[in-house]
Amino acid sequence: MGAGGVALSVESLKLTVHFGESDRIGHVLLSDALVDLFAVHHLHVAVLIRAVEGFGLEQTLRTDRFLSLSEDLPLVAVAVDEPERIEAILPAVTDVVSGGLVTLERARLLGGLVAPRAPSGDGAAKLSIYLGRDERIRGRPAYVDVVDVLRDLGLAGCTALLGVDGVAHGARRRARFFSRNASVPAMVVAVGGAEAVARAVSTLDGLLRHPIATLERMHVCKRDGTVLASPTQHDEHDEAGLGIWQRLTVHAGEHARHQGRSLHTELIRRLRAAGASGATSVRGVYGFYGDHQPHGDRLFRIRRRVPVVTTIVDRPERIRRWFDVVDEVTDEAGLVTSELVPAYHAVASGGRVGGTRLARPTG
């Protein structure tokens, strides 16, 4: 495969790295080192996103709510390509990440938007669409039209996240001052039934210039205070003894509250106090969940109305405990989903946890 090239609808791996904004490799920021690595290997797509709050194995809180804690916010880097290309860079990634989390997940990469094969399971899927952060449709940001279309098609939730750096079709796309940064990747993450997702893919194909998308399996656990299902039960290890991990994701508006407190900050606070292995909240720019209208910031509003996505990754037994925390905090608002994470590699001062070999659960 040539630089940036990919066949239509192929099995792929999604690599996600959680780390700190100030992390360095010598004199080079880790964020630059990682995106440089993705670009040198001409990965099909990668996006670097700045989070607003989170903690990891060290239990150190990083947040933009306090000046003293906002100088080292969490960063999340996501890269997608065919398995052999992601596996080729894994040793270099784990070598440079001296404190943070690396996960791998299976996905189907759509090099051009084509109707996907519906995933097995409970009929739900996660669709991630990568586009230019300032790409326009009819004079509006493309992500606005994408979110609006996805809501009209009946998806359960959708959030647009703006990248600050990345790779698209194998080429580096870096945000710069005094530039519209039209080509810097943005990431639109949508959740819905498999049939609605298939309709969305066909519809979006006619809207976007150079679309890239991935499709992943997931389960919807809760919506607007109503529990629909518990997180899928998984063994702690597969037949080969490799560890199995899970992710809980909570979609909610920044204006959502639990007992008068911001939902996502209260969730981070409770998870940290209870000893969770880590959690990260990323602020979107536009989105919706459930039957609510799409929302984003508007002038003259005191309270922000942008969407926030909070993720928790841990072992299956511990995820069941954290779901109880999530359930309590999302008693009135939010969309909660669960996904399998077949590889988890965390690094802290106490050593390394997990590994990068992909588990294969039987269920």
Foldseek 3Di string as FASTA:
>chain_A
DDQLDDDFWDKKKKKKWKDKQQQDDVPHTPVVVVQVLCLVLRFAKKFKAFFAWKDFQVLDIAHPPDPVRPPITMMMMMTMDHHVSVVVCVVVSVVRCQFTKMFMDMKIKGQALAQDDQDDDPQKKKKKKKFFQQDDFPRHRLVVVLQVVLVVLPFFKKFKGFGQWMHHSSHTQHHDPPDPSRGRIIMMMTMGGSVSVSVSSVVCSVGGDRMMMIMDDKFWQDFQQRGPHAADDFDQAAPVRAGKKKKKKKKFWQPDFFPRHRLVVVLNVVCSVVNARMKTKHWGAWMDGHNDDIDGDDPPDPGTGTMMMMMGMDGRVVVSVSVVSVSNSSNGHIIMMMDITQFMWGHDPVGIDTGHDGGDTPD
